[in-house]
């Protein structure tokens, strides 16, 4: 998978995505993540990319030309149009299912807005999907882009050691994950459930599924309403 990120703050994004599992996957050539500074495509001598909104109002709006020029440059290198996602509080809320769907794409371009957002015409011209990470507003699209990139890229085959590493996690199958334990077997008077020490795989599987159902009922009963 290839991911291009259009942003005003590439260092902010690159620093996070260069670490841990996603960073290792890049080094191993499983995924490619590249940040492009939108200011590099400004025709203004001061590299300005924003202006006052028509109709008045507070804040500034990102101009369409620098974004479009950056987009065209990426399309020219790729030889075709990538799937373009604009990080926006007005978009479809990110879910595990949406992350799975996007992980099937070969090339994604993530557009990070800033200030009061981007000129509406750029959304109409190049954006395929608007995505939100929650019903709140941040100062820019960089943090949401990092969240989306992490959620999607970790599902690409080969990024994690095995499919089991993510297929049993919370939300993957519509349930919350079962409790996890490690050494020591006793801590602060609390012991690891005996079934996990038994070595009986069928019983362990059954216990974990029961615990997933129980946790989902207690913490997120709304998720059960979506399951048969």
Protein backbone atom coordinates (compact mmCIF):
# COMPACT_ATOMS: atom_id res chain seq x y z
CA UNK A 1 0.00 0.00 0.00
CA UNK A 2 1.07 3.54 -0.76
CA UNK A 3 -0.14 6.50 1.29
CA UNK A 4 0.47 10.13 0.37
CA UNK A 5 -0.39 12.83 2.89
CA UNK A 6 -0.87 16.47 1.88
CA UNK A 7 -0.20 18.72 4.86
CA UNK A 8 1.21 22.04 6.01
CA UNK A 9 3.14 20.28 8.77
CA UNK A 10 4.88 17.19 7.33
CA UNK A 11 7.34 16.86 10.24
CA UNK A 12 4.43 16.55 12.66
CA UNK A 13 3.07 13.54 10.77
CA UNK A 14 6.34 11.89 9.77
CA UNK A 15 7.68 11.82 13.32
CA UNK A 16 4.81 9.69 14.60
CA UNK A 17 4.44 7.34 11.64
CA UNK A 18 8.17 6.60 11.57
CA UNK A 19 7.93 4.83 14.93
CA UNK A 20 6.78 1.41 16.17
CA UNK A 21 4.91 -1.05 13.93
CA UNK A 22 4.09 1.40 11.13
CA UNK A 23 7.67 2.62 11.01
CA UNK A 24 8.98 -0.94 10.84
CA UNK A 25 6.54 -1.79 8.04
CA UNK A 26 7.88 1.15 6.04
CA UNK A 27 11.48 0.02 6.54
CA UNK A 28 10.50 -3.46 5.37
CA UNK A 29 8.87 -2.09 2.23
CA UNK A 30 5.39 -3.37 3.07
CA UNK A 31 3.85 0.09 3.02
CA UNK A 32 5.02 3.46 1.74
CA UNK A 33 4.02 6.68 3.50
CA UNK A 34 5.08 10.04 2.12
CA UNK A 35 4.22 13.54 3.30
CA UNK A 36 4.07 16.44 0.86
CA UNK A 37 4.16 20.04 2.03
CA UNK A 38 1.35 21.93 0.34
CA UNK A 39 3.36 25.16 0.68
CA UNK A 40 5.86 23.80 -1.84
CA UNK A 41 3.19 24.20 -4.50
CA UNK A 42 2.22 27.78 -3.69
CA UNK A 43 2.88 30.39 -6.36
CA UNK A 44 3.09 33.13 -3.71
CA UNK A 45 6.62 34.38 -2.98
CA UNK A 46 5.93 33.99 0.74
CA UNK A 47 4.56 30.44 0.19
CA UNK A 48 1.15 31.59 1.35
CA UNK A 49 -1.62 29.00 0.99
CA UNK A 50 -4.60 30.68 2.70
CA UNK A 51 -6.80 33.73 2.29
CA UNK A 52 -9.83 35.43 3.81
CA UNK A 53 -13.19 33.71 3.24
CA UNK A 54 -15.65 35.22 0.78
CA UNK A 55 -18.70 36.53 2.61
CA UNK A 56 -16.71 37.41 5.70
CA UNK A 57 -16.22 35.49 8.90
CA UNK A 58 -13.38 34.62 11.22
CA UNK A 59 -10.31 32.62 10.29
CA UNK A 60 -8.67 31.81 6.99
CA UNK A 61 -9.44 29.27 4.27
CA UNK A 62 -6.88 27.16 2.44
CA UNK A 63 -6.74 28.09 -1.24
CA UNK A 64 -7.55 25.48 -3.87
CA UNK A 65 -4.61 26.07 -6.25
CA UNK A 66 -1.71 24.86 -4.05
CA UNK A 67 -3.66 21.77 -2.99
CA UNK A 68 -4.64 20.96 -6.56
CA UNK A 69 -1.08 21.45 -7.81
CA UNK A 70 0.24 19.08 -5.14
CA UNK A 71 -2.48 16.57 -6.01
CA UNK A 72 -1.66 16.74 -9.73
CA UNK A 73 2.01 16.18 -8.98
CA UNK A 74 1.24 12.99 -7.05
CA UNK A 75 -1.15 11.77 -9.75
CA UNK A 76 1.54 12.37 -12.38
CA UNK A 77 4.06 10.28 -10.47
CA UNK A 78 1.57 7.47 -9.82
CA UNK A 79 0.18 7.47 -13.35
CA UNK A 80 -3.38 7.39 -12.04
CA UNK A 81 -5.69 8.97 -9.49
CA UNK A 82 -5.29 7.78 -5.88
CA UNK A 83 -8.29 7.39 -3.59
CA UNK A 84 -8.51 10.80 -1.90
CA UNK A 85 -9.63 11.14 1.72
CA UNK A 86 -10.21 14.55 3.30
CA UNK A 87 -10.01 14.61 7.10
CA UNK A 88 -13.05 16.61 8.17
CA UNK A 89 -15.41 16.78 11.18
CA UNK A 90 -18.20 16.65 8.60
CA UNK A 91 -17.07 13.28 7.26
CA UNK A 92 -18.05 9.68 7.89
CA UNK A 93 -16.93 8.68 11.37
CA UNK A 94 -13.97 6.30 11.29
CA UNK A 95 -14.82 2.74 12.29
CA UNK A 96 -13.01 -0.58 12.14
CA UNK A 97 -15.09 -1.57 9.11
CA UNK A 98 -14.13 1.62 7.30
CA UNK A 99 -10.47 1.01 8.14
CA UNK A 100 -10.77 -2.52 6.70
CA UNK A 101 -12.36 -1.16 3.53
CA UNK A 102 -9.62 1.43 3.05
CA UNK A 103 -6.90 -1.15 3.70
CA UNK A 104 -7.95 -2.80 0.42
CA UNK A 105 -6.94 0.30 -1.56
CA UNK A 106 -3.57 0.29 -3.30
CA UNK A 107 -2.97 4.04 -3.11
CA UNK A 108 -4.58 6.54 -0.71
CA UNK A 109 -4.03 10.27 -0.60
CA UNK A 110 -4.99 11.95 2.69
CA UNK A 111 -5.66 15.69 2.63
CA UNK A 112 -5.15 17.57 5.91
CA UNK A 113 -7.06 20.81 6.25
CA UNK A 114 -6.14 23.67 8.56
CA UNK A 115 -7.48 27.02 9.67
CA UNK A 116 -11.19 27.07 8.70
CA UNK A 117 -10.73 24.22 6.25
CA UNK A 118 -10.20 24.10 2.50
CA UNK A 119 -11.98 25.80 -0.37
CA UNK A 120 -15.12 23.79 -1.13
CA UNK A 121 -14.19 23.53 -4.80
CA UNK A 122 -11.17 21.36 -4.03
CA UNK A 123 -13.44 18.93 -2.16
CA UNK A 124 -15.80 18.80 -5.11
CA UNK A 125 -12.96 18.33 -7.60
CA UNK A 126 -10.67 15.69 -6.07
CA UNK A 127 -12.05 14.22 -2.81
CA UNK A 128 -13.60 10.74 -2.87
CA UNK A 129 -14.47 10.49 0.83
CA UNK A 130 -14.53 12.74 3.88
CA UNK A 131 -13.58 11.02 7.14
CA UNK A 132 -13.91 12.18 10.75
CA UNK A 133 -12.30 10.60 13.82
CA UNK A 134 -15.08 11.86 16.10
CA UNK A 135 -17.66 14.52 16.72
CA UNK A 136 -15.29 17.25 17.81
CA UNK A 137 -13.04 19.81 16.14
CA UNK A 138 -9.23 19.91 16.14
CA UNK A 139 -6.89 22.65 14.95
CA UNK A 140 -5.92 20.71 11.84
CA UNK A 141 -6.18 17.44 9.98
CA UNK A 142 -2.71 16.13 10.86
CA UNK A 143 -3.65 14.24 14.03
CA UNK A 144 -6.74 12.69 12.38
CA UNK A 145 -4.56 11.71 9.40
CA UNK A 146 -2.14 9.93 11.73
CA UNK A 147 -5.04 8.08 13.36
CA UNK A 148 -6.50 7.04 10.02
CA UNK A 149 -3.13 5.98 8.63
CA UNK A 150 -2.34 3.85 11.68
CA UNK A 151 -5.79 2.22 11.74
CA UNK A 152 -5.63 1.37 8.02
CA UNK A 153 -1.97 0.43 7.55
CA UNK A 154 -1.85 -2.05 10.43
CA UNK A 155 -4.48 -4.11 8.56
CA UNK A 156 -2.32 -4.43 5.44
CA UNK A 157 -1.05 -8.03 5.15
CA UNK A 158 2.45 -8.38 6.55
CA UNK A 159 2.38 -5.30 8.79
CA UNK A 160 1.43 -7.34 11.85
CA UNK A 161 2.89 -10.78 12.51
CA UNK A 162 -0.38 -12.55 11.72
CA UNK A 163 -4.03 -11.88 11.02
CA UNK A 164 -4.83 -13.19 14.48
CA UNK A 165 -2.96 -10.18 15.89
CA UNK A 166 -5.82 -7.90 14.85
CA UNK A 167 -8.77 -10.21 14.15
CA UNK A 168 -9.44 -10.70 17.86
CA UNK A 169 -9.07 -7.04 18.83
CA UNK A 170 -11.88 -4.79 19.98
CA UNK A 171 -14.32 -3.81 17.20
CA UNK A 172 -12.82 -6.08 14.52
CA UNK A 173 -15.76 -8.49 14.73
CA UNK A 174 -18.17 -6.06 16.35
CA UNK A 175 -17.30 -7.00 19.95
CA UNK A 176 -14.87 -5.63 22.52
CA UNK A 177 -11.76 -7.67 23.19
CA UNK A 178 -11.60 -10.15 26.09
CA UNK A 179 -9.34 -9.42 29.13
CA UNK A 180 -5.62 -10.05 28.67
CA UNK A 181 -3.15 -11.34 31.29
CA UNK A 182 0.58 -12.01 31.52
CA UNK A 183 3.13 -12.87 34.22
CA UNK A 184 3.13 -12.92 37.20
CA UNK A 185 0.21 -15.29 37.85
CA UNK A 186 -0.72 -13.26 40.95
CA UNK A 187 -0.57 -9.49 41.39
CA UNK A 188 -1.93 -7.41 44.28
CA UNK A 189 -4.00 -10.41 45.37
CA UNK A 190 -5.55 -10.82 41.93
CA UNK A 191 -4.93 -14.08 40.08
CA UNK A 192 -5.06 -15.04 36.42
CA UNK A 193 -8.26 -17.00 35.58
CA UNK A 194 -7.58 -20.73 35.89
CA UNK A 195 -8.92 -21.49 32.42
CA UNK A 196 -6.04 -19.51 30.86
CA UNK A 197 -3.53 -21.67 32.73
CA UNK A 198 -5.22 -24.94 31.79
CA UNK A 199 -3.80 -25.32 28.29
CA UNK A 200 -7.27 -26.45 27.08
CA UNK A 201 -7.61 -24.44 23.89
CA UNK A 202 -11.31 -25.10 23.32
CA UNK A 203 -12.18 -23.95 26.83
CA UNK A 204 -9.96 -20.90 26.47
CA UNK A 205 -11.63 -19.97 23.18
CA UNK A 206 -15.07 -20.36 24.74
CA UNK A 207 -14.09 -18.30 27.80
CA UNK A 208 -12.66 -15.51 25.67
CA UNK A 209 -15.81 -15.30 23.56
CA UNK A 210 -17.99 -15.20 26.67
CA UNK A 211 -15.82 -12.45 28.13
CA UNK A 212 -16.05 -10.47 24.89
CA UNK A 213 -19.83 -10.65 25.00
CA UNK A 214 -19.87 -9.71 28.68
CA UNK A 215 -17.57 -6.73 28.21
CA UNK A 216 -19.49 -5.49 25.22
CA UNK A 217 -22.76 -5.73 27.14
CA UNK A 218 -21.30 -3.82 30.09
CA UNK A 219 -19.31 -1.15 28.25
CA UNK A 220 -20.80 -0.79 24.76
CA UNK A 221 -24.25 -2.40 24.61
CA UNK A 222 -24.95 -0.36 21.48
CA UNK A 223 -22.55 -2.62 19.58
CA UNK A 224 -24.66 -5.69 20.38
CA UNK A 225 -27.67 -4.02 18.78
CA UNK A 226 -25.79 -4.22 15.46
CA UNK A 227 -25.09 -7.95 15.74
CA UNK A 228 -27.44 -10.86 15.26
